[in-house]
Amino acid sequence: MYMMSQLFAAAKLDPMSKMWVSMIGIGLMVLAALIITYARSKTKGWVRLVLTLVAIVMLIYGMICGLLSLV
């Protein structure tokens, strides 16, 4: 939690940078949703697990980017 508060305090971004960070966050979340949809409908076994883990990591990074763009 302490590290996250330091991260937010260090993120003094100008408006244009905030826009790009939020666009990256939105893009990561969209890609995560597409990967999860594909993994659940077309794959089985360990490939499904790997794709799901990749999508979860992308979703977390997208959420962090979204939170950074609000600060």
N, C-alpha and C. Protein backbone atom coordinates (compact mmCIF):
# COMPACT_ATOMS: atom_id res chain seq x y z
N MET A 1 0.82 -1.19 0.00
CA MET A 1 0.00 0.00 0.00
C MET A 1 0.86 1.26 0.00
N TYR A 2 1.96 1.22 0.77
CA TYR A 2 2.86 2.36 0.84
C TYR A 2 3.49 2.63 -0.53
N MET A 3 3.85 1.56 -1.23
CA MET A 3 4.45 1.71 -2.55
C MET A 3 3.47 2.33 -3.53
N MET A 4 2.20 1.94 -3.43
CA MET A 4 1.19 2.49 -4.33
C MET A 4 0.98 3.98 -4.07
N SER A 5 1.02 4.41 -2.81
CA SER A 5 0.87 5.84 -2.52
C SER A 5 2.06 6.63 -3.04
N GLN A 6 3.26 6.05 -2.98
CA GLN A 6 4.43 6.72 -3.54
C GLN A 6 4.31 6.82 -5.06
N LEU A 7 3.77 5.78 -5.68
CA LEU A 7 3.60 5.78 -7.12
C LEU A 7 2.65 6.89 -7.54
N PHE A 8 1.56 7.07 -6.81
CA PHE A 8 0.61 8.13 -7.13
C PHE A 8 1.21 9.51 -6.88
N ALA A 9 2.01 9.63 -5.84
CA ALA A 9 2.62 10.92 -5.53
C ALA A 9 3.66 11.30 -6.59
N ALA A 10 4.31 10.30 -7.17
CA ALA A 10 5.34 10.57 -8.18
C ALA A 10 4.75 10.86 -9.55
N ALA A 11 3.48 10.60 -9.73
CA ALA A 11 2.87 10.75 -11.05
C ALA A 11 2.31 12.15 -11.25
N LYS A 12 3.18 13.11 -11.41
CA LYS A 12 2.76 14.47 -11.72
C LYS A 12 2.85 14.64 -13.23
N LEU A 13 1.77 14.32 -13.91
CA LEU A 13 1.77 14.30 -15.37
C LEU A 13 1.03 15.51 -15.92
N ASP A 14 1.50 15.99 -17.06
CA ASP A 14 0.77 17.05 -17.74
C ASP A 14 -0.47 16.43 -18.41
N PRO A 15 -1.44 17.24 -18.80
CA PRO A 15 -2.70 16.70 -19.33
C PRO A 15 -2.53 15.79 -20.56
N MET A 16 -1.58 16.09 -21.42
CA MET A 16 -1.39 15.27 -22.61
C MET A 16 -0.86 13.88 -22.23
N SER A 17 0.05 13.84 -21.28
CA SER A 17 0.57 12.55 -20.81
C SER A 17 -0.52 11.74 -20.12
N LYS A 18 -1.38 12.42 -19.35
CA LYS A 18 -2.50 11.73 -18.70
C LYS A 18 -3.42 11.11 -19.75
N MET A 19 -3.62 11.82 -20.87
CA MET A 19 -4.46 11.28 -21.93
C MET A 19 -3.86 10.00 -22.49
N TRP A 20 -2.55 10.02 -22.75
CA TRP A 20 -1.91 8.84 -23.32
C TRP A 20 -1.90 7.68 -22.35
N VAL A 21 -1.69 7.96 -21.07
CA VAL A 21 -1.70 6.90 -20.07
C VAL A 21 -3.10 6.28 -19.98
N SER A 22 -4.14 7.12 -20.03
CA SER A 22 -5.49 6.58 -19.97
C SER A 22 -5.83 5.79 -21.23
N MET A 23 -5.35 6.22 -22.39
CA MET A 23 -5.59 5.46 -23.62
C MET A 23 -4.89 4.09 -23.57
N ILE A 24 -3.70 4.07 -23.03
CA ILE A 24 -2.99 2.79 -22.88
C ILE A 24 -3.76 1.88 -21.94
N GLY A 25 -4.27 2.45 -20.84
CA GLY A 25 -5.07 1.66 -19.90
C GLY A 25 -6.33 1.10 -20.53
N ILE A 26 -7.02 1.92 -21.31
CA ILE A 26 -8.24 1.46 -21.99
C ILE A 26 -7.90 0.37 -22.99
N GLY A 27 -6.81 0.56 -23.74
CA GLY A 27 -6.40 -0.44 -24.72
C GLY A 27 -6.04 -1.77 -24.07
N LEU A 28 -5.35 -1.71 -22.93
CA LEU A 28 -4.99 -2.94 -22.23
C LEU A 28 -6.23 -3.67 -21.72
N MET A 29 -7.21 -2.91 -21.24
CA MET A 29 -8.43 -3.54 -20.75
C MET A 29 -9.24 -4.17 -21.88
N VAL A 30 -9.28 -3.51 -23.02
CA VAL A 30 -9.98 -4.08 -24.18
C VAL A 30 -9.29 -5.36 -24.64
N LEU A 31 -7.95 -5.32 -24.74
CA LEU A 31 -7.22 -6.52 -25.14
C LEU A 31 -7.41 -7.66 -24.14
N ALA A 32 -7.45 -7.34 -22.86
CA ALA A 32 -7.67 -8.36 -21.84
C ALA A 32 -9.05 -9.00 -22.02
N ALA A 33 -10.06 -8.18 -22.30
CA ALA A 33 -11.41 -8.73 -22.50
C ALA A 33 -11.46 -9.62 -23.74
N LEU A 34 -10.78 -9.22 -24.81
CA LEU A 34 -10.77 -10.03 -26.03
C LEU A 34 -10.03 -11.35 -25.81
N ILE A 35 -8.91 -11.30 -25.08
CA ILE A 35 -8.16 -12.52 -24.80
C ILE A 35 -8.97 -13.48 -23.94
N ILE A 36 -9.65 -12.96 -22.93
CA ILE A 36 -10.48 -13.82 -22.07
C ILE A 36 -11.61 -14.44 -22.88
N THR A 37 -12.24 -13.65 -23.74
CA THR A 37 -13.32 -14.18 -24.57
C THR A 37 -12.82 -15.30 -25.47
N TYR A 38 -11.68 -15.08 -26.11
CA TYR A 38 -11.10 -16.10 -26.97
C TYR A 38 -10.70 -17.34 -26.17
N ALA A 39 -10.07 -17.14 -25.02
CA ALA A 39 -9.59 -18.27 -24.22
C ALA A 39 -10.74 -19.14 -23.74
N ARG A 40 -11.84 -18.52 -23.37
CA ARG A 40 -12.95 -19.31 -22.83
C ARG A 40 -13.78 -19.99 -23.91
N SER A 41 -13.75 -19.45 -25.13
CA SER A 41 -14.58 -20.05 -26.17
C SER A 41 -13.83 -21.01 -27.09
N LYS A 42 -12.53 -20.83 -27.27
CA LYS A 42 -11.81 -21.60 -28.29
C LYS A 42 -10.71 -22.50 -27.76
N THR A 43 -10.27 -22.32 -26.52
CA THR A 43 -9.12 -23.09 -26.05
C THR A 43 -9.49 -23.97 -24.86
N LYS A 44 -8.58 -24.92 -24.58
CA LYS A 44 -8.75 -25.83 -23.45
C LYS A 44 -7.40 -26.08 -22.82
N GLY A 45 -7.43 -26.54 -21.58
CA GLY A 45 -6.21 -26.98 -20.91
C GLY A 45 -5.28 -25.86 -20.52
N TRP A 46 -3.97 -26.13 -20.67
CA TRP A 46 -2.97 -25.18 -20.20
C TRP A 46 -2.92 -23.92 -21.05
N VAL A 47 -3.32 -23.99 -22.32
CA VAL A 47 -3.35 -22.79 -23.16
C VAL A 47 -4.38 -21.81 -22.61
N ARG A 48 -5.52 -22.34 -22.19
CA ARG A 48 -6.56 -21.50 -21.60
C ARG A 48 -6.05 -20.83 -20.32
N LEU A 49 -5.33 -21.59 -19.51
CA LEU A 49 -4.78 -21.05 -18.27
C LEU A 49 -3.78 -19.94 -18.54
N VAL A 50 -2.88 -20.17 -19.48
CA VAL A 50 -1.85 -19.17 -19.81
C VAL A 50 -2.50 -17.90 -20.36
N LEU A 51 -3.45 -18.05 -21.27
CA LEU A 51 -4.13 -16.88 -21.83
C LEU A 51 -4.90 -16.11 -20.76
N THR A 52 -5.52 -16.83 -19.84
CA THR A 52 -6.24 -16.18 -18.75
C THR A 52 -5.30 -15.41 -17.84
N LEU A 53 -4.15 -15.99 -17.52
CA LEU A 53 -3.17 -15.29 -16.69
C LEU A 53 -2.62 -14.04 -17.38
N VAL A 54 -2.36 -14.15 -18.67
CA VAL A 54 -1.89 -12.98 -19.43
C VAL A 54 -2.95 -11.88 -19.41
N ALA A 55 -4.19 -12.26 -19.60
CA ALA A 55 -5.28 -11.28 -19.59
C ALA A 55 -5.44 -10.63 -18.22
N ILE A 56 -5.26 -11.39 -17.16
CA ILE A 56 -5.37 -10.82 -15.82
C ILE A 56 -4.26 -9.81 -15.56
N VAL A 57 -3.05 -10.14 -15.98
CA VAL A 57 -1.93 -9.20 -15.82
C VAL A 57 -2.19 -7.93 -16.63
N MET A 58 -2.69 -8.08 -17.85
CA MET A 58 -3.00 -6.90 -18.66
C MET A 58 -4.10 -6.06 -18.02
N LEU A 59 -5.08 -6.72 -17.43
CA LEU A 59 -6.17 -6.01 -16.77
C LEU A 59 -5.65 -5.22 -15.57
N ILE A 60 -4.74 -5.81 -14.82
CA ILE A 60 -4.18 -5.11 -13.66
C ILE A 60 -3.37 -3.89 -14.11
N TYR A 61 -2.53 -4.06 -15.13
CA TYR A 61 -1.77 -2.92 -15.65
C TYR A 61 -2.69 -1.85 -16.22
N GLY A 62 -3.76 -2.25 -16.88
CA GLY A 62 -4.73 -1.28 -17.39
C GLY A 62 -5.39 -0.50 -16.27
N MET A 63 -5.71 -1.19 -15.17
CA MET A 63 -6.32 -0.52 -14.03
C MET A 63 -5.35 0.47 -13.40
N ILE A 64 -4.07 0.08 -13.29
CA ILE A 64 -3.07 0.98 -12.73
C ILE A 64 -2.91 2.22 -13.62
N CYS A 65 -2.89 2.02 -14.93
CA CYS A 65 -2.81 3.16 -15.85
C CYS A 65 -4.01 4.08 -15.70
N GLY A 66 -5.19 3.50 -15.54
CA GLY A 66 -6.38 4.30 -15.35
C GLY A 66 -6.33 5.09 -14.07
N LEU A 67 -5.84 4.48 -13.00
CA LEU A 67 -5.73 5.20 -11.74
C LEU A 67 -4.67 6.30 -11.80
N LEU A 68 -3.59 6.04 -12.50
CA LEU A 68 -2.55 7.06 -12.66
C LEU A 68 -3.05 8.27 -13.45
N SER A 69 -3.93 8.03 -14.39
CA SER A 69 -4.43 9.15 -15.20
C SER A 69 -5.42 10.01 -14.43
N LEU A 70 -5.94 9.51 -13.32
CA LEU A 70 -6.85 10.31 -12.50
C LEU A 70 -6.13 11.25 -11.56
N VAL A 71 -4.88 10.94 -11.24
CA VAL A 71 -4.14 11.74 -10.26
C VAL A 71 -3.68 13.04 -10.86
